[in-house]
mmCIF file of all heavy atoms, coordinates in Angstrom:
data_MODEL
# 
_entry.id   MODEL 
# 
loop_
_atom_site.group_PDB 
_atom_site.id 
_atom_site.type_symbol 
_atom_site.label_atom_id 
_atom_site.label_alt_id 
_atom_site.label_comp_id 
_atom_site.label_asym_id 
_atom_site.label_entity_id 
_atom_site.label_seq_id 
_atom_site.pdbx_PDB_ins_code 
_atom_site.Cartn_x 
_atom_site.Cartn_y 
_atom_site.Cartn_z 
_atom_site.occupancy 
_atom_site.B_iso_or_equiv 
_atom_site.pdbx_formal_charge 
_atom_site.auth_seq_id 
_atom_site.auth_comp_id 
_atom_site.auth_asym_id 
_atom_site.auth_atom_id 
_atom_site.pdbx_PDB_model_num 
ATOM 1   N N   . VAL A 1 1  ? 10.967 25.694 53.514 1.00 0.00 ? 1  VAL A N   1 
ATOM 2   C CA  . VAL A 1 1  ? 10.217 26.998 53.703 1.00 0.00 ? 1  VAL A CA  1 
ATOM 3   C C   . VAL A 1 1  ? 9.427  27.234 52.423 1.00 0.00 ? 1  VAL A C   1 
ATOM 4   O O   . VAL A 1 1  ? 9.878  27.011 51.414 1.00 0.00 ? 1  VAL A O   1 
ATOM 5   C CB  . VAL A 1 1  ? 11.129 28.167 54.066 1.00 0.00 ? 1  VAL A CB  1 
ATOM 6   C CG1 . VAL A 1 1  ? 12.084 28.490 52.957 1.00 0.00 ? 1  VAL A CG1 1 
ATOM 7   C CG2 . VAL A 1 1  ? 10.308 29.404 54.386 1.00 0.00 ? 1  VAL A CG2 1 
ATOM 8   N N   . MET A 1 2  ? 8.130  27.866 52.550 1.00 0.00 ? 2  MET A N   1 
ATOM 9   C CA  . MET A 1 2  ? 7.398  28.314 51.477 1.00 0.00 ? 2  MET A CA  1 
ATOM 10  C C   . MET A 1 2  ? 7.034  29.754 51.767 1.00 0.00 ? 2  MET A C   1 
ATOM 11  O O   . MET A 1 2  ? 6.903  30.209 52.985 1.00 0.00 ? 2  MET A O   1 
ATOM 12  C CB  . MET A 1 2  ? 6.096  27.493 51.302 1.00 0.00 ? 2  MET A CB  1 
ATOM 13  C CG  . MET A 1 2  ? 6.403  26.026 51.182 1.00 0.00 ? 2  MET A CG  1 
ATOM 14  S SD  . MET A 1 2  ? 4.903  25.043 50.958 1.00 0.00 ? 2  MET A SD  1 
ATOM 15  C CE  . MET A 1 2  ? 4.594  25.363 49.119 1.00 0.00 ? 2  MET A CE  1 
ATOM 16  N N   . GLY A 1 3  ? 6.865  30.567 50.673 1.00 0.00 ? 3  GLY A N   1 
ATOM 17  C CA  . GLY A 1 3  ? 6.591  31.903 51.009 1.00 0.00 ? 3  GLY A CA  1 
ATOM 18  C C   . GLY A 1 3  ? 5.781  32.540 49.774 1.00 0.00 ? 3  GLY A C   1 
ATOM 19  O O   . GLY A 1 3  ? 5.642  31.921 48.683 1.00 0.00 ? 3  GLY A O   1 
ATOM 20  N N   . TRP A 1 4  ? 5.370  33.807 50.101 1.00 0.00 ? 4  TRP A N   1 
ATOM 21  C CA  . TRP A 1 4  ? 4.795  34.640 49.095 1.00 0.00 ? 4  TRP A CA  1 
ATOM 22  C C   . TRP A 1 4  ? 5.519  35.891 48.933 1.00 0.00 ? 4  TRP A C   1 
ATOM 23  O O   . TRP A 1 4  ? 5.954  36.559 49.842 1.00 0.00 ? 4  TRP A O   1 
ATOM 24  C CB  . TRP A 1 4  ? 3.317  35.019 49.441 1.00 0.00 ? 4  TRP A CB  1 
ATOM 25  C CG  . TRP A 1 4  ? 2.452  33.719 49.327 1.00 0.00 ? 4  TRP A CG  1 
ATOM 26  C CD1 . TRP A 1 4  ? 2.108  32.847 50.316 1.00 0.00 ? 4  TRP A CD1 1 
ATOM 27  C CD2 . TRP A 1 4  ? 1.640  33.375 48.137 1.00 0.00 ? 4  TRP A CD2 1 
ATOM 28  N NE1 . TRP A 1 4  ? 1.209  31.966 49.775 1.00 0.00 ? 4  TRP A NE1 1 
ATOM 29  C CE2 . TRP A 1 4  ? 0.911  32.216 48.510 1.00 0.00 ? 4  TRP A CE2 1 
ATOM 30  C CE3 . TRP A 1 4  ? 1.585  33.838 46.763 1.00 0.00 ? 4  TRP A CE3 1 
ATOM 31  C CZ2 . TRP A 1 4  ? 0.206  31.526 47.573 1.00 0.00 ? 4  TRP A CZ2 1 
ATOM 32  C CZ3 . TRP A 1 4  ? 0.775  33.174 45.904 1.00 0.00 ? 4  TRP A CZ3 1 
ATOM 33  C CH2 . TRP A 1 4  ? 0.086  32.064 46.329 1.00 0.00 ? 4  TRP A CH2 1 
ATOM 34  N N   . TYR A 1 5  ? 5.789  36.309 47.650 1.00 0.00 ? 5  TYR A N   1 
ATOM 35  C CA  . TYR A 1 5  ? 6.363  37.582 47.322 1.00 0.00 ? 5  TYR A CA  1 
ATOM 36  C C   . TYR A 1 5  ? 5.406  38.402 46.481 1.00 0.00 ? 5  TYR A C   1 
ATOM 37  O O   . TYR A 1 5  ? 4.470  37.857 45.829 1.00 0.00 ? 5  TYR A O   1 
ATOM 38  C CB  . TYR A 1 5  ? 7.799  37.453 46.700 1.00 0.00 ? 5  TYR A CB  1 
ATOM 39  C CG  . TYR A 1 5  ? 8.826  36.794 47.491 1.00 0.00 ? 5  TYR A CG  1 
ATOM 40  C CD1 . TYR A 1 5  ? 8.729  35.438 47.852 1.00 0.00 ? 5  TYR A CD1 1 
ATOM 41  C CD2 . TYR A 1 5  ? 9.912  37.542 47.912 1.00 0.00 ? 5  TYR A CD2 1 
ATOM 42  C CE1 . TYR A 1 5  ? 9.642  34.834 48.526 1.00 0.00 ? 5  TYR A CE1 1 
ATOM 43  C CE2 . TYR A 1 5  ? 10.780 37.011 48.677 1.00 0.00 ? 5  TYR A CE2 1 
ATOM 44  C CZ  . TYR A 1 5  ? 10.746 35.590 49.031 1.00 0.00 ? 5  TYR A CZ  1 
ATOM 45  O OH  . TYR A 1 5  ? 11.785 35.067 49.801 1.00 0.00 ? 5  TYR A OH  1 
ATOM 46  N N   . ARG A 1 6  ? 5.613  39.653 46.278 1.00 0.00 ? 6  ARG A N   1 
ATOM 47  C CA  . ARG A 1 6  ? 4.845  40.454 45.413 1.00 0.00 ? 6  ARG A CA  1 
ATOM 48  C C   . ARG A 1 6  ? 5.617  41.592 44.733 1.00 0.00 ? 6  ARG A C   1 
ATOM 49  O O   . ARG A 1 6  ? 6.714  41.986 45.347 1.00 0.00 ? 6  ARG A O   1 
ATOM 50  C CB  . ARG A 1 6  ? 3.661  41.151 46.078 1.00 0.00 ? 6  ARG A CB  1 
ATOM 51  C CG  . ARG A 1 6  ? 3.883  42.121 47.081 1.00 0.00 ? 6  ARG A CG  1 
ATOM 52  C CD  . ARG A 1 6  ? 2.733  42.575 47.809 1.00 0.00 ? 6  ARG A CD  1 
ATOM 53  N NE  . ARG A 1 6  ? 3.028  43.614 48.805 1.00 0.00 ? 6  ARG A NE  1 
ATOM 54  C CZ  . ARG A 1 6  ? 2.063  44.133 49.628 1.00 0.00 ? 6  ARG A CZ  1 
ATOM 55  N NH1 . ARG A 1 6  ? 0.849  43.758 49.667 1.00 0.00 ? 6  ARG A NH1 1 
ATOM 56  N NH2 . ARG A 1 6  ? 2.407  45.139 50.448 1.00 0.00 ? 6  ARG A NH2 1 
ATOM 57  N N   . GLN A 1 7  ? 5.129  41.885 43.585 1.00 0.00 ? 7  GLN A N   1 
ATOM 58  C CA  . GLN A 1 7  ? 5.848  43.023 42.879 1.00 0.00 ? 7  GLN A CA  1 
ATOM 59  C C   . GLN A 1 7  ? 4.789  43.940 42.347 1.00 0.00 ? 7  GLN A C   1 
ATOM 60  O O   . GLN A 1 7  ? 3.963  43.612 41.377 1.00 0.00 ? 7  GLN A O   1 
ATOM 61  C CB  . GLN A 1 7  ? 6.680  42.429 41.730 1.00 0.00 ? 7  GLN A CB  1 
ATOM 62  C CG  . GLN A 1 7  ? 7.635  43.645 41.035 1.00 0.00 ? 7  GLN A CG  1 
ATOM 63  C CD  . GLN A 1 7  ? 8.748  43.057 40.198 1.00 0.00 ? 7  GLN A CD  1 
ATOM 64  O OE1 . GLN A 1 7  ? 8.723  41.806 39.795 1.00 0.00 ? 7  GLN A OE1 1 
ATOM 65  N NE2 . GLN A 1 7  ? 9.680  43.780 39.966 1.00 0.00 ? 7  GLN A NE2 1 
ATOM 66  N N   . ALA A 1 8  ? 4.801  45.210 42.721 1.00 0.00 ? 8  ALA A N   1 
ATOM 67  C CA  . ALA A 1 8  ? 3.875  46.234 42.224 1.00 0.00 ? 8  ALA A CA  1 
ATOM 68  C C   . ALA A 1 8  ? 4.499  46.941 41.101 1.00 0.00 ? 8  ALA A C   1 
ATOM 69  O O   . ALA A 1 8  ? 5.703  46.857 40.830 1.00 0.00 ? 8  ALA A O   1 
ATOM 70  C CB  . ALA A 1 8  ? 3.523  47.166 43.343 1.00 0.00 ? 8  ALA A CB  1 
ATOM 71  N N   . PRO A 1 9  ? 3.653  47.521 40.236 1.00 0.00 ? 9  PRO A N   1 
ATOM 72  C CA  . PRO A 1 9  ? 4.160  48.285 39.098 1.00 0.00 ? 9  PRO A CA  1 
ATOM 73  C C   . PRO A 1 9  ? 5.304  49.400 39.544 1.00 0.00 ? 9  PRO A C   1 
ATOM 74  O O   . PRO A 1 9  ? 4.970  50.136 40.393 1.00 0.00 ? 9  PRO A O   1 
ATOM 75  C CB  . PRO A 1 9  ? 2.902  48.968 38.519 1.00 0.00 ? 9  PRO A CB  1 
ATOM 76  C CG  . PRO A 1 9  ? 1.773  47.932 38.924 1.00 0.00 ? 9  PRO A CG  1 
ATOM 77  C CD  . PRO A 1 9  ? 2.185  47.596 40.273 1.00 0.00 ? 9  PRO A CD  1 
ATOM 78  N N   . GLY A 1 10 ? 6.391  49.271 38.894 1.00 0.00 ? 10 GLY A N   1 
ATOM 79  C CA  . GLY A 1 10 ? 7.376  50.292 39.228 1.00 0.00 ? 10 GLY A CA  1 
ATOM 80  C C   . GLY A 1 10 ? 8.220  50.091 40.459 1.00 0.00 ? 10 GLY A C   1 
ATOM 81  O O   . GLY A 1 10 ? 8.943  51.007 40.881 1.00 0.00 ? 10 GLY A O   1 
ATOM 82  N N   . LYS A 1 11 ? 7.972  48.954 41.187 1.00 0.00 ? 11 LYS A N   1 
ATOM 83  C CA  . LYS A 1 11 ? 8.591  48.661 42.423 1.00 0.00 ? 11 LYS A CA  1 
ATOM 84  C C   . LYS A 1 11 ? 9.304  47.446 42.433 1.00 0.00 ? 11 LYS A C   1 
ATOM 85  O O   . LYS A 1 11 ? 9.111  46.605 41.536 1.00 0.00 ? 11 LYS A O   1 
ATOM 86  C CB  . LYS A 1 11 ? 7.618  48.728 43.578 1.00 0.00 ? 11 LYS A CB  1 
ATOM 87  C CG  . LYS A 1 11 ? 6.861  50.013 43.818 1.00 0.00 ? 11 LYS A CG  1 
ATOM 88  C CD  . LYS A 1 11 ? 5.934  49.883 45.053 1.00 0.00 ? 11 LYS A CD  1 
ATOM 89  C CE  . LYS A 1 11 ? 5.151  51.250 45.255 1.00 0.00 ? 11 LYS A CE  1 
ATOM 90  N NZ  . LYS A 1 11 ? 4.293  51.124 46.490 1.00 0.00 ? 11 LYS A NZ  1 
ATOM 91  N N   . GLN A 1 12 ? 10.159 47.218 43.408 1.00 0.00 ? 12 GLN A N   1 
ATOM 92  C CA  . GLN A 1 12 ? 10.889 45.966 43.524 1.00 0.00 ? 12 GLN A CA  1 
ATOM 93  C C   . GLN A 1 12 ? 10.141 44.883 44.137 1.00 0.00 ? 12 GLN A C   1 
ATOM 94  O O   . GLN A 1 12 ? 9.265  45.200 44.825 1.00 0.00 ? 12 GLN A O   1 
ATOM 95  C CB  . GLN A 1 12 ? 12.242 46.192 44.349 1.00 0.00 ? 12 GLN A CB  1 
ATOM 96  C CG  . GLN A 1 12 ? 13.219 47.207 43.765 1.00 0.00 ? 12 GLN A CG  1 
ATOM 97  C CD  . GLN A 1 12 ? 13.724 46.838 42.470 1.00 0.00 ? 12 GLN A CD  1 
ATOM 98  O OE1 . GLN A 1 12 ? 13.543 47.438 41.400 1.00 0.00 ? 12 GLN A OE1 1 
ATOM 99  N NE2 . GLN A 1 12 ? 14.415 45.739 42.430 1.00 0.00 ? 12 GLN A NE2 1 
ATOM 100 N N   . ARG A 1 13 ? 10.535 43.614 43.831 1.00 0.00 ? 13 ARG A N   1 
ATOM 101 C CA  . ARG A 1 13 ? 9.859  42.507 44.421 1.00 0.00 ? 13 ARG A CA  1 
ATOM 102 C C   . ARG A 1 13 ? 10.122 42.589 45.996 1.00 0.00 ? 13 ARG A C   1 
ATOM 103 O O   . ARG A 1 13 ? 11.242 42.818 46.401 1.00 0.00 ? 13 ARG A O   1 
ATOM 104 C CB  . ARG A 1 13 ? 10.352 41.190 43.861 1.00 0.00 ? 13 ARG A CB  1 
ATOM 105 C CG  . ARG A 1 13 ? 9.703  39.917 44.361 1.00 0.00 ? 13 ARG A CG  1 
ATOM 106 C CD  . ARG A 1 13 ? 10.218 38.778 43.701 1.00 0.00 ? 13 ARG A CD  1 
ATOM 107 N NE  . ARG A 1 13 ? 11.563 38.548 44.067 1.00 0.00 ? 13 ARG A NE  1 
ATOM 108 C CZ  . ARG A 1 13 ? 12.494 37.563 43.440 1.00 0.00 ? 13 ARG A CZ  1 
ATOM 109 N NH1 . ARG A 1 13 ? 11.835 36.743 42.600 1.00 0.00 ? 13 ARG A NH1 1 
ATOM 110 N NH2 . ARG A 1 13 ? 13.692 37.520 43.729 1.00 0.00 ? 13 ARG A NH2 1 
ATOM 111 N N   . GLU A 1 14 ? 9.085  42.194 46.682 1.00 0.00 ? 14 GLU A N   1 
ATOM 112 C CA  . GLU A 1 14 ? 9.226  42.252 48.236 1.00 0.00 ? 14 GLU A CA  1 
ATOM 113 C C   . GLU A 1 14 ? 8.638  40.912 48.800 1.00 0.00 ? 14 GLU A C   1 
ATOM 114 O O   . GLU A 1 14 ? 7.779  40.479 48.250 1.00 0.00 ? 14 GLU A O   1 
ATOM 115 C CB  . GLU A 1 14 ? 8.605  43.554 48.845 1.00 0.00 ? 14 GLU A CB  1 
ATOM 116 C CG  . GLU A 1 14 ? 7.102  43.511 48.705 1.00 0.00 ? 14 GLU A CG  1 
ATOM 117 C CD  . GLU A 1 14 ? 6.485  44.702 49.408 1.00 0.00 ? 14 GLU A CD  1 
ATOM 118 O OE1 . GLU A 1 14 ? 7.106  45.279 50.167 1.00 0.00 ? 14 GLU A OE1 1 
ATOM 119 O OE2 . GLU A 1 14 ? 5.268  44.968 49.089 1.00 0.00 ? 14 GLU A OE2 1 
ATOM 120 N N   . LEU A 1 15 ? 9.267  40.592 49.929 1.00 0.00 ? 15 LEU A N   1 
ATOM 121 C CA  . LEU A 1 15 ? 8.684  39.606 50.664 1.00 0.00 ? 15 LEU A CA  1 
ATOM 122 C C   . LEU A 1 15 ? 7.457  39.888 51.385 1.00 0.00 ? 15 LEU A C   1 
ATOM 123 O O   . LEU A 1 15 ? 7.276  40.909 51.954 1.00 0.00 ? 15 LEU A O   1 
ATOM 124 C CB  . LEU A 1 15 ? 9.770  39.003 51.693 1.00 0.00 ? 15 LEU A CB  1 
ATOM 125 C CG  . LEU A 1 15 ? 9.378  37.852 52.719 1.00 0.00 ? 15 LEU A CG  1 
ATOM 126 C CD1 . LEU A 1 15 ? 9.191  36.577 51.915 1.00 0.00 ? 15 LEU A CD1 1 
ATOM 127 C CD2 . LEU A 1 15 ? 10.263 37.805 53.773 1.00 0.00 ? 15 LEU A CD2 1 
ATOM 128 N N   . VAL A 1 16 ? 6.453  38.995 51.329 1.00 0.00 ? 16 VAL A N   1 
ATOM 129 C CA  . VAL A 1 16 ? 5.149  39.255 51.858 1.00 0.00 ? 16 VAL A CA  1 
ATOM 130 C C   . VAL A 1 16 ? 5.032  38.366 53.210 1.00 0.00 ? 16 VAL A C   1 
ATOM 131 O O   . VAL A 1 16 ? 4.701  38.856 54.299 1.00 0.00 ? 16 VAL A O   1 
ATOM 132 C CB  . VAL A 1 16 ? 3.915  38.926 50.963 1.00 0.00 ? 16 VAL A CB  1 
ATOM 133 C CG1 . VAL A 1 16 ? 2.658  39.176 51.729 1.00 0.00 ? 16 VAL A CG1 1 
ATOM 134 C CG2 . VAL A 1 16 ? 3.993  39.932 49.809 1.00 0.00 ? 16 VAL A CG2 1 
ATOM 135 N N   . ALA A 1 17 ? 5.283  37.074 53.150 1.00 0.00 ? 17 ALA A N   1 
ATOM 136 C CA  . ALA A 1 17 ? 5.163  36.193 54.174 1.00 0.00 ? 17 ALA A CA  1 
ATOM 137 C C   . ALA A 1 17 ? 5.866  34.845 53.956 1.00 0.00 ? 17 ALA A C   1 
ATOM 138 O O   . ALA A 1 17 ? 5.969  34.521 52.744 1.00 0.00 ? 17 ALA A O   1 
ATOM 139 C CB  . ALA A 1 17 ? 3.651  35.852 54.541 1.00 0.00 ? 17 ALA A CB  1 
ATOM 140 N N   . VAL A 1 18 ? 6.327  34.229 54.967 1.00 0.00 ? 18 VAL A N   1 
ATOM 141 C CA  . VAL A 1 18 ? 6.891  32.924 54.832 1.00 0.00 ? 18 VAL A CA  1 
ATOM 142 C C   . VAL A 1 18 ? 6.466  31.994 55.856 1.00 0.00 ? 18 VAL A C   1 
ATOM 143 O O   . VAL A 1 18 ? 6.050  32.404 56.909 1.00 0.00 ? 18 VAL A O   1 
ATOM 144 C CB  . VAL A 1 18 ? 8.491  33.031 54.779 1.00 0.00 ? 18 VAL A CB  1 
ATOM 145 C CG1 . VAL A 1 18 ? 9.021  33.652 53.686 1.00 0.00 ? 18 VAL A CG1 1 
ATOM 146 C CG2 . VAL A 1 18 ? 9.013  33.526 56.153 1.00 0.00 ? 18 VAL A CG2 1 
ATOM 147 N N   . ILE A 1 19 ? 6.456  30.651 55.632 1.00 0.00 ? 19 ILE A N   1 
ATOM 148 C CA  . ILE A 1 19 ? 6.008  29.689 56.515 1.00 0.00 ? 19 ILE A CA  1 
ATOM 149 C C   . ILE A 1 19 ? 6.941  28.525 56.454 1.00 0.00 ? 19 ILE A C   1 
ATOM 150 O O   . ILE A 1 19 ? 7.306  28.039 55.438 1.00 0.00 ? 19 ILE A O   1 
ATOM 151 C CB  . ILE A 1 19 ? 4.583  29.320 56.350 1.00 0.00 ? 19 ILE A CB  1 
ATOM 152 C CG1 . ILE A 1 19 ? 4.118  28.318 57.454 1.00 0.00 ? 19 ILE A CG1 1 
ATOM 153 C CG2 . ILE A 1 19 ? 4.366  28.787 54.965 1.00 0.00 ? 19 ILE A CG2 1 
ATOM 154 C CD1 . ILE A 1 19 ? 2.584  28.162 57.461 1.00 0.00 ? 19 ILE A CD1 1 
ATOM 155 N N   . THR A 1 20 ? 7.410  28.031 57.611 1.00 0.00 ? 20 THR A N   1 
ATOM 156 C CA  . THR A 1 20 ? 8.233  26.793 57.703 1.00 0.00 ? 20 THR A CA  1 
ATOM 157 C C   . THR A 1 20 ? 7.313  25.548 57.613 1.00 0.00 ? 20 THR A C   1 
ATOM 158 O O   . THR A 1 20 ? 6.126  25.592 57.654 1.00 0.00 ? 20 THR A O   1 
ATOM 159 C CB  . THR A 1 20 ? 9.112  26.757 58.919 1.00 0.00 ? 20 THR A CB  1 
ATOM 160 O OG1 . THR A 1 20 ? 8.261  26.505 60.082 1.00 0.00 ? 20 THR A OG1 1 
ATOM 161 C CG2 . THR A 1 20 ? 9.879  28.117 59.132 1.00 0.00 ? 20 THR A CG2 1 
ATOM 162 N N   . GLY A 1 21 ? 8.028  24.408 57.511 1.00 0.00 ? 21 GLY A N   1 
ATOM 163 C CA  . GLY A 1 21 ? 7.310  23.177 57.346 1.00 0.00 ? 21 GLY A CA  1 
ATOM 164 C C   . GLY A 1 21 ? 6.643  22.880 58.717 1.00 0.00 ? 21 GLY A C   1 
ATOM 165 O O   . GLY A 1 21 ? 5.549  22.218 58.574 1.00 0.00 ? 21 GLY A O   1 
ATOM 166 N N   . GLY A 1 22 ? 7.118  23.382 59.815 1.00 0.00 ? 22 GLY A N   1 
ATOM 167 C CA  . GLY A 1 22 ? 6.446  23.270 61.063 1.00 0.00 ? 22 GLY A CA  1 
ATOM 168 C C   . GLY A 1 22 ? 5.277  24.217 61.383 1.00 0.00 ? 22 GLY A C   1 
ATOM 169 O O   . GLY A 1 22 ? 4.681  24.169 62.460 1.00 0.00 ? 22 GLY A O   1 
ATOM 170 N N   . GLY A 1 23 ? 5.086  25.198 60.467 1.00 0.00 ? 23 GLY A N   1 
ATOM 171 C CA  . GLY A 1 23 ? 4.108  26.201 60.643 1.00 0.00 ? 23 GLY A CA  1 
ATOM 172 C C   . GLY A 1 23 ? 4.405  27.487 61.287 1.00 0.00 ? 23 GLY A C   1 
ATOM 173 O O   . GLY A 1 23 ? 3.484  28.327 61.528 1.00 0.00 ? 23 GLY A O   1 
ATOM 174 N N   . MET A 1 24 ? 5.674  27.791 61.546 1.00 0.00 ? 24 MET A N   1 
ATOM 175 C CA  . MET A 1 24 ? 6.233  29.086 61.939 1.00 0.00 ? 24 MET A CA  1 
ATOM 176 C C   . MET A 1 24 ? 6.074  30.074 60.809 1.00 0.00 ? 24 MET A C   1 
ATOM 177 O O   . MET A 1 24 ? 6.483  29.805 59.819 1.00 0.00 ? 24 MET A O   1 
ATOM 178 C CB  . MET A 1 24 ? 7.573  29.064 62.495 1.00 0.00 ? 24 MET A CB  1 
ATOM 179 C CG  . MET A 1 24 ? 7.722  28.117 63.711 1.00 0.00 ? 24 MET A CG  1 
ATOM 180 S SD  . MET A 1 24 ? 9.412  28.099 64.434 1.00 0.00 ? 24 MET A SD  1 
ATOM 181 C CE  . MET A 1 24 ? 9.672  29.825 64.838 1.00 0.00 ? 24 MET A CE  1 
ATOM 182 N N   . THR A 1 25 ? 5.632  31.232 61.217 1.00 0.00 ? 25 THR A N   1 
ATOM 183 C CA  . THR A 1 25 ? 5.369  32.283 60.189 1.00 0.00 ? 25 THR A CA  1 
ATOM 184 C C   . THR A 1 25 ? 6.032  33.638 60.399 1.00 0.00 ? 25 THR A C   1 
ATOM 185 O O   . THR A 1 25 ? 6.301  33.856 61.524 1.00 0.00 ? 25 THR A O   1 
ATOM 186 C CB  . THR A 1 25 ? 3.882  32.503 60.008 1.00 0.00 ? 25 THR A CB  1 
ATOM 187 O OG1 . THR A 1 25 ? 3.379  33.035 61.296 1.00 0.00 ? 25 THR A OG1 1 
ATOM 188 C CG2 . THR A 1 25 ? 3.105  31.328 59.647 1.00 0.00 ? 25 THR A CG2 1 
ATOM 189 N N   . THR A 1 26 ? 6.351  34.286 59.366 1.00 0.00 ? 26 THR A N   1 
ATOM 190 C CA  . THR A 1 26 ? 6.879  35.548 59.390 1.00 0.00 ? 26 THR A CA  1 
ATOM 191 C C   . THR A 1 26 ? 6.300  36.542 58.348 1.00 0.00 ? 26 THR A C   1 
ATOM 192 O O   . THR A 1 26 ? 6.005  36.020 57.203 1.00 0.00 ? 26 THR A O   1 
ATOM 193 C CB  . THR A 1 26 ? 8.388  35.617 59.154 1.00 0.00 ? 26 THR A CB  1 
ATOM 194 O OG1 . THR A 1 26 ? 9.055  34.774 60.120 1.00 0.00 ? 26 THR A OG1 1 
ATOM 195 C CG2 . THR A 1 26 ? 9.008  37.010 59.220 1.00 0.00 ? 26 THR A CG2 1 
ATOM 196 N N   . TYR A 1 27 ? 5.944  37.818 58.737 1.00 0.00 ? 27 TYR A N   1 
ATOM 197 C CA  . TYR A 1 27 ? 5.187  38.606 57.780 1.00 0.00 ? 27 TYR A CA  1 
ATOM 198 C C   . TYR A 1 27 ? 5.957  39.941 57.590 1.00 0.00 ? 27 TYR A C   1 
ATOM 199 O O   . TYR A 1 27 ? 6.612  40.418 58.466 1.00 0.00 ? 27 TYR A O   1 
ATOM 200 C CB  . TYR A 1 27 ? 3.791  38.957 58.290 1.00 0.00 ? 27 TYR A CB  1 
ATOM 201 C CG  . TYR A 1 27 ? 2.888  37.824 58.474 1.00 0.00 ? 27 TYR A CG  1 
ATOM 202 C CD1 . TYR A 1 27 ? 2.771  37.004 59.668 1.00 0.00 ? 27 TYR A CD1 1 
ATOM 203 C CD2 . TYR A 1 27 ? 2.129  37.453 57.373 1.00 0.00 ? 27 TYR A CD2 1 
ATOM 204 C CE1 . TYR A 1 27 ? 1.960  35.930 59.715 1.00 0.00 ? 27 TYR A CE1 1 
ATOM 205 C CE2 . TYR A 1 27 ? 1.225  36.288 57.403 1.00 0.00 ? 27 TYR A CE2 1 
ATOM 206 C CZ  . TYR A 1 27 ? 1.234  35.522 58.604 1.00 0.00 ? 27 TYR A CZ  1 
ATOM 207 O OH  . TYR A 1 27 ? 0.279  34.521 58.708 1.00 0.00 ? 27 TYR A OH  1 
ATOM 208 N N   . ALA A 1 28 ? 5.737  40.568 56.441 1.00 0.00 ? 28 ALA A N   1 
ATOM 209 C CA  . ALA A 1 28 ? 6.252  41.880 56.224 1.00 0.00 ? 28 ALA A CA  1 
ATOM 210 C C   . ALA A 1 28 ? 5.370  42.816 57.115 1.00 0.00 ? 28 ALA A C   1 
ATOM 211 O O   . ALA A 1 28 ? 4.198  42.638 57.350 1.00 0.00 ? 28 ALA A O   1 
ATOM 212 C CB  . ALA A 1 28 ? 6.083  42.274 54.776 1.00 0.00 ? 28 ALA A CB  1 
# 
């Protein structure tokens, strides 16, 4: 799996999106 996370000033890191090797995706 590969994914993107983000962290805004003063906030915790959060999951943005993930994608499996086969192309299945999940989004915040």
